[in-house]
Amino acid sequence: MYDFPLTGAQKTFLRGLGQTMEPALKVGKGGLTPEFFKELQTHLNTRELVKLRFVAADRHERAELIEQISDQGRCVVAGAVGATALFYRQNPDSARRVIEL
């Protein structure tokens, strides 16, 4: 898993921001493809916070997909409810950060 620890208060703050967001990406029957991860990286680099929706996946499959996305996408899970999940990665360039924690 990507190692950027978030406190409970930070996760709560990020989930609050995520409530008004529309899902930027959808994970469907095709699963996690290289194109998906390329698009995820683009969103994380520009917004830092990305909301995903899982289509046609049961609870256990979603949990596995969330872990894979966190590992391969080098991001942190800020929250997951039902078929949606919120991922965060802080921009290493402090001048380009969108979200201040």
C-alpha atoms as a PDB file:
ATOM      1  CA  MET A   1       0.000   0.000   0.000  1.00  0.00           C
ATOM      2  CA  TYR A   2       1.134   3.568  -0.686  1.00  0.00           C
ATOM      3  CA  ASP A   3       2.719   4.914   2.485  1.00  0.00           C
ATOM      4  CA  PHE A   4       1.304   8.355   3.181  1.00  0.00           C
ATOM      5  CA  PRO A   5      -0.444   8.148   6.534  1.00  0.00           C
ATOM      6  CA  LEU A   6      -3.588  10.211   6.975  1.00  0.00           C
ATOM      7  CA  THR A   7      -5.069  11.046  10.346  1.00  0.00           C
ATOM      8  CA  GLY A   8      -8.745  10.501  11.021  1.00  0.00           C
ATOM      9  CA  ALA A   9      -9.371  14.244  10.822  1.00  0.00           C
ATOM     10  CA  GLN A  10      -7.636  14.451   7.438  1.00  0.00           C
ATOM     11  CA  LYS A  11      -9.706  11.558   6.073  1.00  0.00           C
ATOM     12  CA  THR A  12     -12.878  13.221   7.349  1.00  0.00           C
ATOM     13  CA  PHE A  13     -11.864  16.476   5.644  1.00  0.00           C
ATOM     14  CA  LEU A  14     -11.158  14.676   2.354  1.00  0.00           C
ATOM     15  CA  ARG A  15     -14.438  12.748   2.510  1.00  0.00           C
ATOM     16  CA  GLY A  16     -16.231  16.070   3.003  1.00  0.00           C
ATOM     17  CA  LEU A  17     -14.594  17.420  -0.150  1.00  0.00           C
ATOM     18  CA  GLY A  18     -15.457  14.215  -1.981  1.00  0.00           C
ATOM     19  CA  GLN A  19     -19.180  14.438  -1.236  1.00  0.00           C
ATOM     20  CA  THR A  20     -19.674  17.176  -3.813  1.00  0.00           C
ATOM     21  CA  MET A  21     -17.479  15.519  -6.449  1.00  0.00           C
ATOM     22  CA  GLU A  22     -18.744  13.462  -9.340  1.00  0.00           C
ATOM     23  CA  PRO A  23     -16.898  10.194  -9.985  1.00  0.00           C
ATOM     24  CA  ALA A  24     -13.992  10.978 -12.303  1.00  0.00           C
ATOM     25  CA  LEU A  25     -13.455   7.360 -13.343  1.00  0.00           C
ATOM     26  CA  LYS A  26     -15.496   4.191 -13.465  1.00  0.00           C
ATOM     27  CA  VAL A  27     -14.130   0.687 -13.004  1.00  0.00           C
ATOM     28  CA  GLY A  28     -16.208  -1.740 -15.017  1.00  0.00           C
ATOM     29  CA  LYS A  29     -16.062  -5.266 -16.303  1.00  0.00           C
ATOM     30  CA  GLY A  30     -12.761  -4.522 -18.048  1.00  0.00           C
ATOM     31  CA  GLY A  31     -11.074  -4.227 -14.678  1.00  0.00           C
ATOM     32  CA  LEU A  32      -7.871  -2.344 -14.035  1.00  0.00           C
ATOM     33  CA  THR A  33      -6.091  -1.680 -17.298  1.00  0.00           C
ATOM     34  CA  PRO A  34      -2.911   0.313 -18.015  1.00  0.00           C
ATOM     35  CA  GLU A  35      -5.136   2.991 -19.579  1.00  0.00           C
ATOM     36  CA  PHE A  36      -7.116   3.216 -16.333  1.00  0.00           C
ATOM     37  CA  PHE A  37      -3.948   3.781 -14.299  1.00  0.00           C
ATOM     38  CA  LYS A  38      -2.690   6.364 -16.792  1.00  0.00           C
ATOM     39  CA  GLU A  39      -5.955   8.280 -16.434  1.00  0.00           C
ATOM     40  CA  LEU A  40      -5.858   7.891 -12.638  1.00  0.00           C
ATOM     41  CA  GLN A  41      -2.333   9.355 -12.537  1.00  0.00           C
ATOM     42  CA  THR A  42      -3.479  12.321 -14.616  1.00  0.00           C
ATOM     43  CA  HIS A  43      -6.354  13.029 -12.226  1.00  0.00           C
ATOM     44  CA  LEU A  44      -4.203  12.581  -9.113  1.00  0.00           C
ATOM     45  CA  ASN A  45      -1.512  14.899 -10.473  1.00  0.00           C
ATOM     46  CA  THR A  46      -3.987  17.669 -11.252  1.00  0.00           C
ATOM     47  CA  ARG A  47      -6.622  17.321  -8.500  1.00  0.00           C
ATOM     48  CA  GLU A  48      -4.980  15.173  -5.801  1.00  0.00           C
ATOM     49  CA  LEU A  49      -8.406  13.783  -4.840  1.00  0.00           C
ATOM     50  CA  VAL A  50     -10.222  11.358  -7.152  1.00  0.00           C
ATOM     51  CA  LYS A  51     -13.604   9.724  -6.728  1.00  0.00           C
ATOM     52  CA  LEU A  52     -14.159   6.358  -8.420  1.00  0.00           C
ATOM     53  CA  ARG A  53     -17.299   4.336  -9.019  1.00  0.00           C
ATOM     54  CA  PHE A  54     -17.235   0.566  -9.297  1.00  0.00           C
ATOM     55  CA  VAL A  55     -19.680  -0.979 -11.741  1.00  0.00           C
ATOM     56  CA  ALA A  56     -20.651  -4.659 -11.609  1.00  0.00           C
ATOM     57  CA  ALA A  57     -18.442  -5.609  -8.664  1.00  0.00           C
ATOM     58  CA  ASP A  58     -19.503  -7.256  -5.429  1.00  0.00           C
ATOM     59  CA  ARG A  59     -18.268  -6.167  -1.991  1.00  0.00           C
ATOM     60  CA  HIS A  60     -15.280  -8.524  -1.843  1.00  0.00           C
ATOM     61  CA  GLU A  61     -14.199  -7.759  -5.393  1.00  0.00           C
ATOM     62  CA  ARG A  62     -14.429  -4.006  -4.678  1.00  0.00           C
ATOM     63  CA  ALA A  63     -12.205  -4.399  -1.602  1.00  0.00           C
ATOM     64  CA  GLU A  64      -9.583  -6.188  -3.707  1.00  0.00           C
ATOM     65  CA  LEU A  65      -9.821  -3.572  -6.466  1.00  0.00           C
ATOM     66  CA  ILE A  66      -9.446  -0.733  -3.947  1.00  0.00           C
ATOM     67  CA  GLU A  67      -6.293  -2.321  -2.547  1.00  0.00           C
ATOM     68  CA  GLN A  68      -4.860  -2.852  -6.038  1.00  0.00           C
ATOM     69  CA  ILE A  69      -5.617   0.743  -7.036  1.00  0.00           C
ATOM     70  CA  SER A  70      -3.954   2.036  -3.878  1.00  0.00           C
ATOM     71  CA  ASP A  71      -0.851  -0.085  -4.470  1.00  0.00           C
ATOM     72  CA  GLN A  72      -0.423   0.370  -8.211  1.00  0.00           C
ATOM     73  CA  GLY A  73      -1.728   3.933  -8.314  1.00  0.00           C
ATOM     74  CA  ARG A  74       0.521   5.047  -5.426  1.00  0.00           C
ATOM     75  CA  CYS A  75      -2.359   6.722  -3.590  1.00  0.00           C
ATOM     76  CA  VAL A  76      -4.187   6.506  -0.264  1.00  0.00           C
ATOM     77  CA  VAL A  77      -7.788   5.444   0.261  1.00  0.00           C
ATOM     78  CA  ALA A  78      -9.541   8.377   1.948  1.00  0.00           C
ATOM     79  CA  GLY A  79     -12.848   6.527   2.137  1.00  0.00           C
ATOM     80  CA  ALA A  80     -15.022   3.901   0.521  1.00  0.00           C
ATOM     81  CA  VAL A  81     -18.796   3.577   0.755  1.00  0.00           C
ATOM     82  CA  GLY A  82     -20.837   1.209  -1.353  1.00  0.00           C
ATOM     83  CA  ALA A  83     -19.759   1.358  -4.977  1.00  0.00           C
ATOM     84  CA  THR A  84     -17.665   4.525  -4.631  1.00  0.00           C
ATOM     85  CA  ALA A  85     -14.176   5.120  -3.295  1.00  0.00           C
ATOM     86  CA  LEU A  86     -12.095   8.213  -2.737  1.00  0.00           C
ATOM     87  CA  PHE A  87      -8.340   8.244  -3.389  1.00  0.00           C
ATOM     88  CA  TYR A  88      -5.806  10.906  -2.428  1.00  0.00           C
ATOM     89  CA  ARG A  89      -2.194  11.589  -3.281  1.00  0.00           C
ATOM     90  CA  GLN A  90      -0.444  14.766  -2.200  1.00  0.00           C
ATOM     91  CA  ASN A  91       1.396  16.601  -4.949  1.00  0.00           C
ATOM     92  CA  PRO A  92       5.137  16.518  -4.142  1.00  0.00           C
ATOM     93  CA  ASP A  93       5.513  20.089  -5.441  1.00  0.00           C
ATOM     94  CA  SER A  94       4.154  22.298  -2.653  1.00  0.00           C
ATOM     95  CA  ALA A  95       3.479  25.147  -5.097  1.00  0.00           C
ATOM     96  CA  ARG A  96       1.118  22.951  -7.131  1.00  0.00           C
ATOM     97  CA  ARG A  97      -0.862  21.494  -4.231  1.00  0.00           C
ATOM     98  CA  VAL A  98      -4.595  21.916  -4.572  1.00  0.00           C
ATOM     99  CA  ILE A  99      -5.576  20.574  -1.138  1.00  0.00           C
ATOM    100  CA  GLU A 100      -3.826  21.683   2.029  1.00  0.00           C
ATOM    101  CA  LEU A 101      -4.028  19.174   4.868  1.00  0.00           C
END
